[in-house]
Amino acid sequence: TDLMQVAGDRVFAKLGAAGIYCMGLRREGIGIAIKIDDGATGPQYTVAQTLLEILGILNQGQKDSLKAYRETPVTNCLGKEVGQSRIIPGTFSTLKRF
């Protein structure tokens, strides 16, 4: 919801079960599906934001509004934060901007 509020009508997105997150880019006429293998909720937001930044969909103000999603806390079964989920630099280096 935060992404759609920030991006306006340019992006629509929906979280699904088992770590699935789908986005539609209206102007570009394309869809993106993200699957997180372990079914966790959170890392797909980091991936989605990174992809939208690389593709040139989000401007700096929009990126700043969504910065809370750049890294996702990883917690253990006791709820204690034990790490961060984040994008490894260069992961999407072959993508091209629109």
N, C-alpha and C. Protein backbone atom coordinates (compact mmCIF):
# COMPACT_ATOMS: atom_id res chain seq x y z
N THR A 1 0.82 -1.19 0.00
CA THR A 1 0.00 0.00 0.00
C THR A 1 0.87 1.26 0.00
N ASP A 2 1.95 1.25 0.80
CA ASP A 2 2.84 2.42 0.84
C ASP A 2 3.42 2.70 -0.54
N LEU A 3 3.83 1.65 -1.23
CA LEU A 3 4.39 1.83 -2.58
C LEU A 3 3.37 2.46 -3.51
N MET A 4 2.15 1.98 -3.49
CA MET A 4 1.12 2.50 -4.39
C MET A 4 0.77 3.95 -4.03
N GLN A 5 0.77 4.28 -2.75
CA GLN A 5 0.51 5.66 -2.36
C GLN A 5 1.62 6.59 -2.83
N VAL A 6 2.85 6.14 -2.74
CA VAL A 6 4.00 6.96 -3.14
C VAL A 6 4.09 7.07 -4.67
N ALA A 7 3.87 5.97 -5.37
CA ALA A 7 4.04 5.94 -6.83
C ALA A 7 2.80 6.43 -7.58
N GLY A 8 1.70 6.63 -6.90
CA GLY A 8 0.48 7.06 -7.57
C GLY A 8 -0.06 5.98 -8.47
N ASP A 9 -0.61 6.37 -9.60
CA ASP A 9 -1.22 5.38 -10.49
C ASP A 9 -0.22 4.69 -11.40
N ARG A 10 1.05 4.97 -11.23
CA ARG A 10 2.07 4.36 -12.09
C ARG A 10 2.33 2.89 -11.75
N VAL A 11 2.18 2.54 -10.46
CA VAL A 11 2.47 1.18 -10.02
C VAL A 11 1.29 0.65 -9.20
N PHE A 12 0.92 -0.60 -9.46
CA PHE A 12 0.00 -1.27 -8.55
C PHE A 12 0.66 -2.58 -8.13
N ALA A 13 0.44 -2.96 -6.88
CA ALA A 13 1.15 -4.11 -6.33
C ALA A 13 0.26 -4.88 -5.37
N LYS A 14 0.59 -6.18 -5.22
CA LYS A 14 -0.21 -7.03 -4.33
C LYS A 14 0.67 -8.11 -3.75
N LEU A 15 0.60 -8.25 -2.44
CA LEU A 15 1.29 -9.33 -1.74
C LEU A 15 0.43 -10.57 -1.81
N GLY A 16 1.05 -11.70 -2.08
CA GLY A 16 0.33 -12.97 -2.11
C GLY A 16 0.87 -13.90 -1.04
N ALA A 17 0.43 -15.12 -1.07
CA ALA A 17 0.87 -16.11 -0.09
C ALA A 17 2.27 -16.63 -0.42
N ALA A 18 2.93 -17.14 0.58
CA ALA A 18 4.21 -17.85 0.43
C ALA A 18 5.31 -17.00 -0.21
N GLY A 19 5.36 -15.72 0.13
CA GLY A 19 6.45 -14.88 -0.34
C GLY A 19 6.31 -14.36 -1.76
N ILE A 20 5.12 -14.35 -2.32
CA ILE A 20 4.88 -13.84 -3.68
C ILE A 20 4.48 -12.37 -3.61
N TYR A 21 5.05 -11.57 -4.49
CA TYR A 21 4.70 -10.16 -4.58
C TYR A 21 4.68 -9.81 -6.06
N CYS A 22 3.59 -9.24 -6.52
CA CYS A 22 3.45 -8.90 -7.93
C CYS A 22 3.20 -7.40 -8.08
N MET A 23 3.77 -6.85 -9.15
CA MET A 23 3.59 -5.43 -9.45
C MET A 23 3.25 -5.27 -10.92
N GLY A 24 2.42 -4.29 -11.20
CA GLY A 24 2.14 -3.91 -12.57
C GLY A 24 2.61 -2.48 -12.77
N LEU A 25 3.32 -2.24 -13.86
CA LEU A 25 3.79 -0.90 -14.20
C LEU A 25 2.91 -0.42 -15.35
N ARG A 26 1.98 0.46 -15.04
CA ARG A 26 0.94 0.86 -16.00
C ARG A 26 1.53 1.48 -17.27
N ARG A 27 2.35 2.49 -17.15
CA ARG A 27 2.87 3.19 -18.33
C ARG A 27 3.72 2.28 -19.20
N GLU A 28 4.46 1.40 -18.56
CA GLU A 28 5.36 0.52 -19.29
C GLU A 28 4.66 -0.71 -19.83
N GLY A 29 3.48 -1.02 -19.28
CA GLY A 29 2.71 -2.17 -19.74
C GLY A 29 3.37 -3.51 -19.41
N ILE A 30 4.06 -3.57 -18.26
CA ILE A 30 4.71 -4.82 -17.88
C ILE A 30 4.31 -5.21 -16.46
N GLY A 31 4.49 -6.48 -16.17
CA GLY A 31 4.27 -6.99 -14.83
C GLY A 31 5.54 -7.61 -14.30
N ILE A 32 5.68 -7.58 -12.99
CA ILE A 32 6.85 -8.15 -12.33
C ILE A 32 6.34 -9.05 -11.21
N ALA A 33 6.87 -10.27 -11.13
CA ALA A 33 6.54 -11.18 -10.05
C ALA A 33 7.82 -11.48 -9.28
N ILE A 34 7.74 -11.39 -7.97
CA ILE A 34 8.88 -11.65 -7.09
C ILE A 34 8.49 -12.81 -6.18
N LYS A 35 9.36 -13.80 -6.07
CA LYS A 35 9.12 -14.95 -5.19
C LYS A 35 10.29 -15.08 -4.23
N ILE A 36 10.00 -15.03 -2.93
CA ILE A 36 11.00 -15.26 -1.91
C ILE A 36 10.88 -16.73 -1.49
N ASP A 37 11.94 -17.50 -1.73
CA ASP A 37 11.88 -18.95 -1.56
C ASP A 37 11.41 -19.42 -0.19
N ASP A 38 11.84 -18.75 0.87
CA ASP A 38 11.47 -19.25 2.20
C ASP A 38 10.08 -18.79 2.65
N GLY A 39 9.40 -18.01 1.81
CA GLY A 39 8.05 -17.57 2.12
C GLY A 39 7.98 -16.39 3.06
N ALA A 40 9.13 -15.83 3.40
CA ALA A 40 9.15 -14.69 4.33
C ALA A 40 8.44 -13.49 3.73
N THR A 41 7.86 -12.69 4.61
CA THR A 41 7.26 -11.43 4.18
C THR A 41 8.18 -10.31 4.60
N GLY A 42 8.59 -9.51 3.65
CA GLY A 42 9.48 -8.39 3.93
C GLY A 42 10.55 -8.24 2.88
N PRO A 43 11.33 -9.29 2.61
CA PRO A 43 12.39 -9.14 1.61
C PRO A 43 11.88 -8.76 0.22
N GLN A 44 10.66 -9.19 -0.13
CA GLN A 44 10.14 -8.84 -1.46
C GLN A 44 9.95 -7.34 -1.61
N TYR A 45 9.70 -6.63 -0.52
CA TYR A 45 9.56 -5.17 -0.60
C TYR A 45 10.91 -4.53 -0.93
N THR A 46 11.96 -5.09 -0.37
CA THR A 46 13.31 -4.60 -0.67
C THR A 46 13.65 -4.84 -2.14
N VAL A 47 13.35 -6.03 -2.62
CA VAL A 47 13.59 -6.37 -4.03
C VAL A 47 12.76 -5.46 -4.94
N ALA A 48 11.49 -5.30 -4.62
CA ALA A 48 10.60 -4.47 -5.44
C ALA A 48 11.10 -3.04 -5.53
N GLN A 49 11.46 -2.46 -4.39
CA GLN A 49 11.93 -1.08 -4.40
C GLN A 49 13.22 -0.96 -5.21
N THR A 50 14.12 -1.90 -5.04
CA THR A 50 15.38 -1.85 -5.78
C THR A 50 15.13 -1.94 -7.28
N LEU A 51 14.25 -2.85 -7.70
CA LEU A 51 13.93 -2.97 -9.12
C LEU A 51 13.33 -1.68 -9.67
N LEU A 52 12.41 -1.08 -8.93
CA LEU A 52 11.78 0.16 -9.39
C LEU A 52 12.79 1.30 -9.47
N GLU A 53 13.74 1.32 -8.56
CA GLU A 53 14.78 2.35 -8.61
C GLU A 53 15.67 2.16 -9.84
N ILE A 54 16.11 0.94 -10.06
CA ILE A 54 16.97 0.64 -11.21
C ILE A 54 16.26 0.94 -12.52
N LEU A 55 14.98 0.63 -12.60
CA LEU A 55 14.22 0.85 -13.83
C LEU A 55 13.83 2.32 -14.03
N GLY A 56 14.13 3.15 -13.05
CA GLY A 56 13.84 4.57 -13.18
C GLY A 56 12.39 4.93 -12.93
N ILE A 57 11.66 4.09 -12.24
CA ILE A 57 10.24 4.32 -11.98
C ILE A 57 10.04 5.30 -10.83
N LEU A 58 10.91 5.25 -9.83
CA LEU A 58 10.78 6.10 -8.65
C LEU A 58 11.74 7.29 -8.71
N ASN A 59 11.26 8.47 -8.36
CA ASN A 59 12.14 9.63 -8.27
C ASN A 59 12.75 9.67 -6.86
N GLN A 60 13.64 10.61 -6.61
CA GLN A 60 14.35 10.65 -5.33
C GLN A 60 13.41 10.83 -4.14
N GLY A 61 12.41 11.68 -4.28
CA GLY A 61 11.46 11.88 -3.18
C GLY A 61 10.70 10.61 -2.86
N GLN A 62 10.32 9.86 -3.90
CA GLN A 62 9.61 8.60 -3.69
C GLN A 62 10.52 7.58 -3.02
N LYS A 63 11.78 7.52 -3.47
CA LYS A 63 12.75 6.61 -2.84
C LYS A 63 12.90 6.93 -1.37
N ASP A 64 13.02 8.22 -1.06
CA ASP A 64 13.19 8.64 0.33
C ASP A 64 11.98 8.23 1.18
N SER A 65 10.79 8.35 0.62
CA SER A 65 9.57 7.98 1.35
C SER A 65 9.50 6.50 1.67
N LEU A 66 10.18 5.69 0.87
CA LEU A 66 10.12 4.24 1.03
C LEU A 66 11.39 3.66 1.65
N LYS A 67 12.28 4.50 2.17
CA LYS A 67 13.58 4.00 2.62
C LYS A 67 13.48 2.97 3.75
N ALA A 68 12.39 2.96 4.48
CA ALA A 68 12.21 1.96 5.54
C ALA A 68 12.19 0.54 4.98
N TYR A 69 11.93 0.40 3.69
CA TYR A 69 11.86 -0.93 3.06
C TYR A 69 13.16 -1.35 2.41
N ARG A 70 14.19 -0.53 2.49
CA ARG A 70 15.48 -0.85 1.86
C ARG A 70 16.17 -2.03 2.52
N GLU A 71 15.99 -2.18 3.81
CA GLU A 71 16.54 -3.32 4.54
C GLU A 71 15.43 -3.88 5.43
N THR A 72 15.35 -5.18 5.49
CA THR A 72 14.32 -5.84 6.27
C THR A 72 14.97 -6.57 7.44
N PRO A 73 14.52 -6.32 8.66
CA PRO A 73 15.10 -7.04 9.80
C PRO A 73 14.82 -8.54 9.71
N VAL A 74 15.79 -9.34 10.11
CA VAL A 74 15.62 -10.79 10.21
C VAL A 74 15.57 -11.11 11.70
N THR A 75 14.51 -11.79 12.11
CA THR A 75 14.35 -12.12 13.52
C THR A 75 14.36 -13.63 13.74
N ASN A 76 14.74 -14.03 14.94
CA ASN A 76 14.70 -15.45 15.27
C ASN A 76 13.33 -15.82 15.85
N CYS A 77 13.19 -17.04 16.32
CA CYS A 77 11.89 -17.51 16.82
C CYS A 77 11.46 -16.80 18.10
N LEU A 78 12.38 -16.11 18.76
CA LEU A 78 12.05 -15.35 19.95
C LEU A 78 11.73 -13.89 19.64
N GLY A 79 11.78 -13.54 18.34
CA GLY A 79 11.50 -12.18 17.93
C GLY A 79 12.70 -11.24 18.04
N LYS A 80 13.87 -11.79 18.36
CA LYS A 80 15.07 -10.98 18.48
C LYS A 80 15.68 -10.75 17.09
N GLU A 81 16.03 -9.49 16.80
CA GLU A 81 16.64 -9.20 15.51
C GLU A 81 18.05 -9.78 15.48
N VAL A 82 18.30 -10.61 14.46
CA VAL A 82 19.59 -11.28 14.34
C VAL A 82 20.32 -10.91 13.05
N GLY A 83 19.73 -10.04 12.25
CA GLY A 83 20.37 -9.63 11.01
C GLY A 83 19.48 -8.74 10.18
N GLN A 84 19.93 -8.48 8.97
CA GLN A 84 19.20 -7.65 8.01
C GLN A 84 19.16 -8.36 6.66
N SER A 85 18.06 -8.23 5.99
CA SER A 85 17.94 -8.71 4.62
C SER A 85 18.08 -7.49 3.72
N ARG A 86 19.06 -7.52 2.82
CA ARG A 86 19.27 -6.39 1.91
C ARG A 86 19.82 -6.90 0.59
N ILE A 87 19.77 -6.04 -0.40
CA ILE A 87 20.23 -6.40 -1.74
C ILE A 87 21.75 -6.32 -1.79
N ILE A 88 22.37 -7.33 -2.37
CA ILE A 88 23.81 -7.33 -2.58
C ILE A 88 24.10 -6.43 -3.77
N PRO A 89 25.01 -5.45 -3.62
CA PRO A 89 25.32 -4.56 -4.75
C PRO A 89 25.69 -5.36 -6.01
N GLY A 90 25.13 -4.93 -7.13
CA GLY A 90 25.40 -5.58 -8.41
C GLY A 90 24.46 -6.71 -8.76
N THR A 91 23.55 -7.07 -7.85
CA THR A 91 22.64 -8.19 -8.10
C THR A 91 21.83 -7.99 -9.38
N PHE A 92 21.38 -6.77 -9.61
CA PHE A 92 20.55 -6.51 -10.78
C PHE A 92 21.29 -5.67 -11.81
N SER A 93 22.58 -5.87 -11.93
CA SER A 93 23.41 -5.03 -12.80
C SER A 93 23.08 -5.16 -14.28
N THR A 94 22.40 -6.22 -14.69
CA THR A 94 22.07 -6.38 -16.10
C THR A 94 20.76 -5.71 -16.51
N LEU A 95 20.00 -5.19 -15.53
CA LEU A 95 18.75 -4.51 -15.85
C LEU A 95 19.02 -3.15 -16.46
N LYS A 96 18.13 -2.74 -17.35
CA LYS A 96 18.24 -1.45 -18.00
C LYS A 96 17.09 -0.56 -17.59
N ARG A 97 17.35 0.73 -17.50
CA ARG A 97 16.30 1.69 -17.17
C ARG A 97 15.39 1.91 -18.35
N PHE A 98 14.15 2.33 -18.07
CA PHE A 98 13.20 2.68 -19.14
C PHE A 98 13.52 4.06 -19.64
